[in-house]
């Protein structure tokens, strides 16, 4: 991995990672341990972490409930706890975890006098569009996930304003991919491997993306660098079309390139039909109309504030996919 500024001298005390057992949290913990950035890492989550290391302290935590746990000598809280799979949950569940969880995490930081908080939001606070969205663009979330995360941003901002010297960094990642992801890129890879992928409506849909190992480098950078900005979109600066992503995946994983384009309305009707049959128990299908929509509508964010800093990306799309393959032993992506 390319070394970054965050591997220089860092305050050797503890940090807390809410949601540290998840996809991003696991990579963040590995990065912190690899470069010995903290003497102790508290993982507060519903499930135990994958990582077995004496520097890691796991405590069961449900952010939907008031958090009465204690930690020692903590200098920064990373709040990654969220329901992010969409579709996948009932409407209200996103608010129970993402909004209420933000309230409880901020109350935890206030109670323990922790003055630095890094919060991962989402690019879904923006409405899907071909238009480029910067940090200054208006937010128009149109899903429960996006709305709940935008409300969570406001909770964190209130926490910052309520105490002198508090530091808040809100990071809005694009589609995050990498080992343990189990989401958009993994499903795309598996569909391509089965030769079952076809483009929905067009090949030019923009899907802003970021490799998880670049994301965790940036989260740690945010915790260390005294920047004036508190809000960051985070994605590779280059607009990544679905065609570019598919071609890169096929090249890195030695798969056949697809060419078929299915009209959007036809694909959407098929999606609704299969969804209905699946709900009735007549067929087994992982196809959902929302996933079809997500293949057609662009999500195009620009990391304007990040580009104004000295942070450098360690990977391109192609090198990130190659590294992901290497992380998985050179075989299947998972």
Protein backbone atom coordinates (compact mmCIF):
# COMPACT_ATOMS: atom_id res chain seq x y z
CA UNK A 1 0.00 0.00 0.00
CA UNK A 2 1.14 3.55 -0.69
CA UNK A 3 2.10 5.25 2.54
CA UNK A 4 0.38 8.48 3.43
CA UNK A 5 0.79 11.49 5.69
CA UNK A 6 -1.30 9.70 8.32
CA UNK A 7 1.55 7.28 8.94
CA UNK A 8 3.66 10.04 10.45
CA UNK A 9 3.62 10.70 14.18
CA UNK A 10 0.10 10.33 15.55
CA UNK A 11 -1.25 10.77 19.05
CA UNK A 12 -0.73 7.38 20.69
CA UNK A 13 -3.96 7.01 22.62
CA UNK A 14 -7.23 5.22 21.94
CA UNK A 15 -9.95 5.66 19.36
CA UNK A 16 -13.52 4.42 19.19
CA UNK A 17 -15.08 2.95 16.05
CA UNK A 18 -18.85 2.58 16.11
CA UNK A 19 -19.71 -0.08 13.53
CA UNK A 20 -16.10 -1.24 13.58
CA UNK A 21 -16.99 -4.87 12.81
CA UNK A 22 -18.49 -3.99 9.44
CA UNK A 23 -17.01 -3.63 5.98
CA UNK A 24 -15.44 -0.17 6.29
CA UNK A 25 -14.79 -0.57 10.01
CA UNK A 26 -12.72 -3.70 9.48
CA UNK A 27 -10.48 -1.95 6.95
CA UNK A 28 -10.19 1.12 9.17
CA UNK A 29 -9.14 -1.02 12.13
CA UNK A 30 -6.58 -2.89 10.01
CA UNK A 31 -5.12 0.41 8.81
CA UNK A 32 -4.84 1.84 12.32
CA UNK A 33 -3.19 -1.34 13.60
CA UNK A 34 -0.85 -1.69 10.61
CA UNK A 35 0.66 1.74 11.19
CA UNK A 36 0.27 1.75 14.99
CA UNK A 37 -1.77 4.95 14.96
CA UNK A 38 -3.43 4.27 18.32
CA UNK A 39 -2.45 2.18 21.29
CA UNK A 40 -5.99 0.84 21.63
CA UNK A 41 -8.96 0.55 19.29
CA UNK A 42 -12.40 0.21 20.85
CA UNK A 43 -14.85 -1.58 18.53
CA UNK A 44 -18.45 -0.82 19.54
CA UNK A 45 -20.82 -2.91 17.46
CA UNK A 46 -23.57 -5.51 17.50
CA UNK A 47 -21.20 -8.29 16.41
CA UNK A 48 -17.63 -9.18 17.27
CA UNK A 49 -14.91 -7.92 14.90
CA UNK A 50 -13.07 -10.19 12.47
CA UNK A 51 -9.74 -8.94 13.82
CA UNK A 52 -8.05 -10.75 16.70
CA UNK A 53 -5.44 -8.38 18.15
CA UNK A 54 -4.62 -7.47 21.77
CA UNK A 55 -4.90 -3.78 20.87
CA UNK A 56 -8.56 -4.23 19.90
CA UNK A 57 -11.19 -4.04 22.65
CA UNK A 58 -14.67 -5.15 21.64
CA UNK A 59 -17.78 -3.97 23.45
CA UNK A 60 -21.31 -4.94 22.46
CA UNK A 61 -23.23 -1.83 21.46
CA UNK A 62 -26.60 -1.13 19.87
CA UNK A 63 -26.61 2.51 18.80
CA UNK A 64 -30.39 2.47 18.73
CA UNK A 65 -30.20 2.48 22.53
CA UNK A 66 -28.58 4.94 24.93
CA UNK A 67 -24.84 4.23 25.15
CA UNK A 68 -23.55 3.96 28.72
CA UNK A 69 -20.21 2.30 27.91
CA UNK A 70 -16.87 3.62 29.11
CA UNK A 71 -13.60 3.95 27.20
CA UNK A 72 -10.22 5.25 28.32
CA UNK A 73 -8.08 8.06 26.92
CA UNK A 74 -10.03 8.41 23.68
CA UNK A 75 -9.06 11.20 21.28
CA UNK A 76 -11.38 10.51 18.34
CA UNK A 77 -14.65 8.76 17.56
CA UNK A 78 -15.32 7.28 14.12
CA UNK A 79 -19.05 6.86 13.63
CA UNK A 80 -19.56 4.27 10.90
CA UNK A 81 -22.64 2.61 12.42
CA UNK A 82 -25.45 2.55 9.86
CA UNK A 83 -27.96 0.60 7.88
CA UNK A 84 -26.64 1.20 4.38
CA UNK A 85 -27.99 -1.64 2.25
CA UNK A 86 -30.73 -0.20 0.05
CA UNK A 87 -33.10 -1.85 -0.67
CA UNK A 88 -33.03 -4.26 2.25
CA UNK A 89 -34.84 -2.81 5.27
CA UNK A 90 -38.20 -1.35 6.25
CA UNK A 91 -38.50 2.42 5.87
CA UNK A 92 -38.48 3.13 9.61
CA UNK A 93 -35.44 0.95 10.29
CA UNK A 94 -33.11 3.37 8.51
CA UNK A 95 -34.17 6.16 10.88
CA UNK A 96 -33.99 3.95 13.97
CA UNK A 97 -30.32 3.21 13.28
CA UNK A 98 -28.99 6.11 11.24
CA UNK A 99 -30.76 9.05 12.88
CA UNK A 100 -31.35 7.76 16.42
CA UNK A 101 -27.89 6.18 16.37
CA UNK A 102 -26.35 9.57 15.59
CA UNK A 103 -28.17 11.09 18.57
CA UNK A 104 -26.78 8.41 20.89
CA UNK A 105 -23.22 8.52 19.50
CA UNK A 106 -23.07 12.30 19.91
CA UNK A 107 -24.43 12.00 23.45
CA UNK A 108 -21.70 9.41 24.15
CA UNK A 109 -18.99 11.77 22.86
CA UNK A 110 -20.42 14.64 24.92
CA UNK A 111 -20.60 12.56 28.12
CA UNK A 112 -16.97 11.45 27.83
CA UNK A 113 -15.67 14.81 26.67
CA UNK A 114 -14.39 13.49 23.34
CA UNK A 115 -13.84 16.51 21.12
CA UNK A 116 -13.22 14.95 17.68
CA UNK A 117 -15.80 13.04 15.67
CA UNK A 118 -15.51 11.62 12.14
CA UNK A 119 -18.88 10.68 10.61
CA UNK A 120 -19.45 8.71 7.42
CA UNK A 121 -22.57 9.93 5.67
CA UNK A 122 -23.40 9.05 2.04
CA UNK A 123 -23.63 10.54 -1.43
CA UNK A 124 -27.31 9.50 -1.34
CA UNK A 125 -28.10 12.79 0.40
CA UNK A 126 -28.15 13.98 -3.22
CA UNK A 127 -30.85 13.07 -5.70
CA UNK A 128 -29.63 10.70 -8.43
CA UNK A 129 -28.74 12.82 -11.45
CA UNK A 130 -26.25 13.19 -14.30
CA UNK A 131 -25.43 16.58 -12.81
CA UNK A 132 -22.17 16.89 -10.88
CA UNK A 133 -22.77 17.33 -7.15
CA UNK A 134 -20.22 19.16 -5.01
CA UNK A 135 -20.35 19.85 -1.29
CA UNK A 136 -22.11 23.13 -2.17
CA UNK A 137 -24.88 21.47 -4.18
CA UNK A 138 -28.38 21.32 -2.64
CA UNK A 139 -29.32 18.06 -0.96
CA UNK A 140 -32.46 16.27 -2.18
CA UNK A 141 -32.47 12.70 -0.82
CA UNK A 142 -35.30 10.58 -2.20
CA UNK A 143 -34.85 7.38 -0.17
CA UNK A 144 -35.23 6.56 3.53
CA UNK A 145 -31.52 5.80 3.63
CA UNK A 146 -30.53 9.19 2.17
CA UNK A 147 -33.00 11.14 4.32
CA UNK A 148 -31.92 9.39 7.52
CA UNK A 149 -28.24 10.06 6.82
CA UNK A 150 -28.88 13.74 6.07
CA UNK A 151 -30.74 14.04 9.38
CA UNK A 152 -27.78 12.33 11.05
CA UNK A 153 -25.46 14.96 9.55
CA UNK A 154 -27.57 17.65 11.22
CA UNK A 155 -27.34 15.85 14.57
CA UNK A 156 -23.55 15.79 14.33
CA UNK A 157 -23.45 19.47 13.34
CA UNK A 158 -25.57 20.33 16.40
CA UNK A 159 -23.10 18.40 18.57
CA UNK A 160 -20.21 20.41 17.13
CA UNK A 161 -21.93 23.78 17.63
CA UNK A 162 -22.89 22.96 21.22
CA UNK A 163 -19.32 22.76 22.56
CA UNK A 164 -16.22 24.90 22.19
CA UNK A 165 -13.26 23.19 20.55
CA UNK A 166 -15.23 20.31 19.07
CA UNK A 167 -14.00 19.08 15.68
CA UNK A 168 -16.36 17.38 13.22
CA UNK A 169 -15.58 15.92 9.81
CA UNK A 170 -18.49 14.60 7.73
CA UNK A 171 -17.44 12.39 4.83
CA UNK A 172 -19.93 11.49 2.09
CA UNK A 173 -18.48 8.45 0.33
CA UNK A 174 -19.56 7.34 -3.11
CA UNK A 175 -20.10 3.62 -3.82
CA UNK A 176 -17.47 1.93 -1.66
CA UNK A 177 -15.98 -1.32 -2.95
CA UNK A 178 -13.42 -3.82 -1.72
CA UNK A 179 -12.96 -6.97 0.33
CA UNK A 180 -15.98 -7.86 2.53
CA UNK A 181 -18.20 -5.37 0.67
CA UNK A 182 -20.95 -7.81 -0.39
CA UNK A 183 -22.77 -4.98 -2.15
CA UNK A 184 -22.98 -3.28 -5.53
CA UNK A 185 -19.58 -4.22 -6.94
CA UNK A 186 -19.75 -7.77 -5.60
CA UNK A 187 -23.19 -8.31 -7.14
CA UNK A 188 -21.95 -6.80 -10.41
CA UNK A 189 -18.95 -9.13 -10.44
CA UNK A 190 -21.09 -12.22 -9.79
CA UNK A 191 -23.57 -11.21 -12.49
CA UNK A 192 -20.74 -10.69 -14.98
CA UNK A 193 -19.22 -14.02 -14.06
CA UNK A 194 -22.53 -15.76 -14.83
CA UNK A 195 -22.73 -13.87 -18.17
CA UNK A 196 -26.07 -12.49 -16.99
CA UNK A 197 -25.26 -8.79 -17.01
CA UNK A 198 -26.77 -6.34 -19.47
CA UNK A 199 -26.72 -2.56 -19.49
CA UNK A 200 -29.93 -0.84 -18.43
CA UNK A 201 -30.96 1.82 -20.92
CA UNK A 202 -27.46 3.13 -21.62
CA UNK A 203 -23.76 2.64 -20.94
CA UNK A 204 -23.05 6.21 -19.84
CA UNK A 205 -24.60 6.12 -16.36
CA UNK A 206 -22.08 7.63 -13.93
CA UNK A 207 -21.47 5.70 -10.71
CA UNK A 208 -19.06 7.63 -8.51
CA UNK A 209 -16.98 5.11 -6.58
CA UNK A 210 -14.14 4.80 -4.10
CA UNK A 211 -11.96 1.90 -3.00
CA UNK A 212 -12.33 1.14 0.70
CA UNK A 213 -8.58 1.33 1.35
CA UNK A 214 -8.47 4.88 -0.01
CA UNK A 215 -11.54 5.75 2.05
CA UNK A 216 -10.03 4.64 5.36
CA UNK A 217 -6.83 6.53 4.56
CA UNK A 218 -8.95 9.64 4.12
CA UNK A 219 -10.91 9.06 7.34
CA UNK A 220 -7.66 8.89 9.30
CA UNK A 221 -6.35 11.92 7.40
CA UNK A 222 -9.48 13.83 8.48
CA UNK A 223 -8.82 12.87 12.10
CA UNK A 224 -5.28 14.21 11.92
CA UNK A 225 -5.23 17.22 9.63
CA UNK A 226 -6.35 20.64 10.97
CA UNK A 227 -8.44 21.59 7.93
CA UNK A 228 -10.98 24.40 7.79
CA UNK A 229 -13.57 22.29 5.99
CA UNK A 230 -15.95 20.01 7.87
CA UNK A 231 -17.79 18.44 4.92
CA UNK A 232 -16.24 16.27 2.22
CA UNK A 233 -17.65 14.39 -0.74
CA UNK A 234 -15.37 11.45 -1.33
CA UNK A 235 -14.99 9.65 -4.64
CA UNK A 236 -12.41 9.28 -7.36
CA UNK A 237 -12.29 12.62 -9.22
CA UNK A 238 -12.73 10.96 -12.62
CA UNK A 239 -16.38 10.33 -13.57
CA UNK A 240 -16.74 6.54 -13.68
CA UNK A 241 -19.39 5.30 -16.10
CA UNK A 242 -20.99 1.91 -15.68
CA UNK A 243 -19.27 0.87 -18.92
CA UNK A 244 -15.86 1.87 -17.55
CA UNK A 245 -16.50 -0.04 -14.31
CA UNK A 246 -17.73 -3.14 -16.14
CA UNK A 247 -14.81 -3.14 -18.56
CA UNK A 248 -12.30 -2.71 -15.72
CA UNK A 249 -13.86 -5.57 -13.74
CA UNK A 250 -13.85 -7.84 -16.79
CA UNK A 251 -10.23 -7.02 -17.56
CA UNK A 252 -8.96 -7.55 -14.01
CA UNK A 253 -11.02 -10.72 -13.44
CA UNK A 254 -10.59 -12.16 -16.96
CA UNK A 255 -14.31 -12.09 -17.78
CA UNK A 256 -16.15 -11.70 -21.06
CA UNK A 257 -17.20 -8.13 -21.89
CA UNK A 258 -21.01 -7.67 -22.14
CA UNK A 259 -22.53 -5.53 -24.88
CA UNK A 260 -26.33 -5.93 -24.66
CA UNK A 261 -28.38 -2.85 -23.72
CA UNK A 262 -31.95 -3.42 -22.50
CA UNK A 263 -34.46 -0.52 -22.65
CA UNK A 264 -34.93 0.93 -19.17
CA UNK A 265 -38.73 0.72 -19.05
CA UNK A 266 -38.69 -2.90 -20.23
CA UNK A 267 -36.08 -3.85 -17.62
CA UNK A 268 -38.05 -2.03 -14.91
CA UNK A 269 -41.27 -3.88 -15.81
CA UNK A 270 -39.39 -7.19 -15.68
CA UNK A 271 -37.95 -6.20 -12.32
CA UNK A 272 -41.35 -5.42 -10.83
CA UNK A 273 -42.73 -8.69 -12.23
CA UNK A 274 -39.96 -10.84 -10.78
CA UNK A 275 -40.20 -8.95 -7.48
CA UNK A 276 -43.92 -9.74 -7.28
CA UNK A 277 -43.42 -13.41 -8.13
CA UNK A 278 -40.64 -13.62 -5.55
CA UNK A 279 -42.84 -12.07 -2.85
CA UNK A 280 -45.53 -14.63 -3.68
CA UNK A 281 -42.99 -17.43 -3.30
CA UNK A 282 -43.36 -18.55 -6.90
CA UNK A 283 -39.75 -17.88 -7.91
CA UNK A 284 -36.45 -17.16 -6.21
CA UNK A 285 -35.02 -13.93 -7.52
CA UNK A 286 -32.57 -11.38 -6.19
CA UNK A 287 -33.74 -8.82 -8.75
CA UNK A 288 -35.36 -5.73 -7.25
CA UNK A 289 -36.71 -2.74 -9.14
CA UNK A 290 -34.50 -0.39 -7.06
CA UNK A 291 -31.36 -2.17 -8.24
CA UNK A 292 -32.51 -1.76 -11.83
CA UNK A 293 -33.11 1.94 -11.23
CA UNK A 294 -29.65 2.28 -9.68
CA UNK A 295 -28.09 0.87 -12.86
CA UNK A 296 -29.81 3.55 -14.93
CA UNK A 297 -29.71 6.71 -12.82
CA UNK A 298 -26.38 8.45 -12.29
CA UNK A 299 -24.92 9.22 -8.89
CA UNK A 300 -22.20 11.72 -9.72
CA UNK A 301 -20.38 13.47 -6.88
CA UNK A 302 -17.21 15.54 -7.07
CA UNK A 303 -14.77 15.61 -4.11
CA UNK A 304 -14.17 19.34 -4.49
CA UNK A 305 -13.06 20.01 -0.92
CA UNK A 306 -10.74 17.02 -0.91
CA UNK A 307 -9.09 18.17 -4.13
CA UNK A 308 -8.27 21.47 -2.42
CA UNK A 309 -6.16 19.65 0.19
CA UNK A 310 -2.83 17.79 0.02
CA UNK A 311 -4.51 14.38 0.30
CA UNK A 312 -3.52 12.02 -2.53
CA UNK A 313 -5.38 8.96 -3.76
CA UNK A 314 -3.31 5.79 -3.61
CA UNK A 315 -5.31 3.85 -6.22
CA UNK A 316 -6.97 4.17 -9.60
CA UNK A 317 -10.07 2.13 -10.42
CA UNK A 318 -7.97 -0.53 -12.15
CA UNK A 319 -5.26 -0.75 -9.49
CA UNK A 320 -7.93 -0.83 -6.77
CA UNK A 321 -9.71 -3.77 -8.42
CA UNK A 322 -6.36 -5.55 -8.84
CA UNK A 323 -5.55 -4.95 -5.18
CA UNK A 324 -8.99 -6.26 -4.17
CA UNK A 325 -8.32 -9.41 -6.16
CA UNK A 326 -4.93 -9.76 -4.47
CA UNK A 327 -6.57 -9.27 -1.05
CA UNK A 328 -8.89 -12.17 -1.85
CA UNK A 329 -6.06 -14.52 -2.81
CA UNK A 330 -6.17 -13.82 -6.54
CA UNK A 331 -9.37 -15.76 -7.13
CA UNK A 332 -12.96 -14.81 -6.32
CA UNK A 333 -13.95 -11.34 -5.16
CA UNK A 334 -15.72 -11.25 -1.83
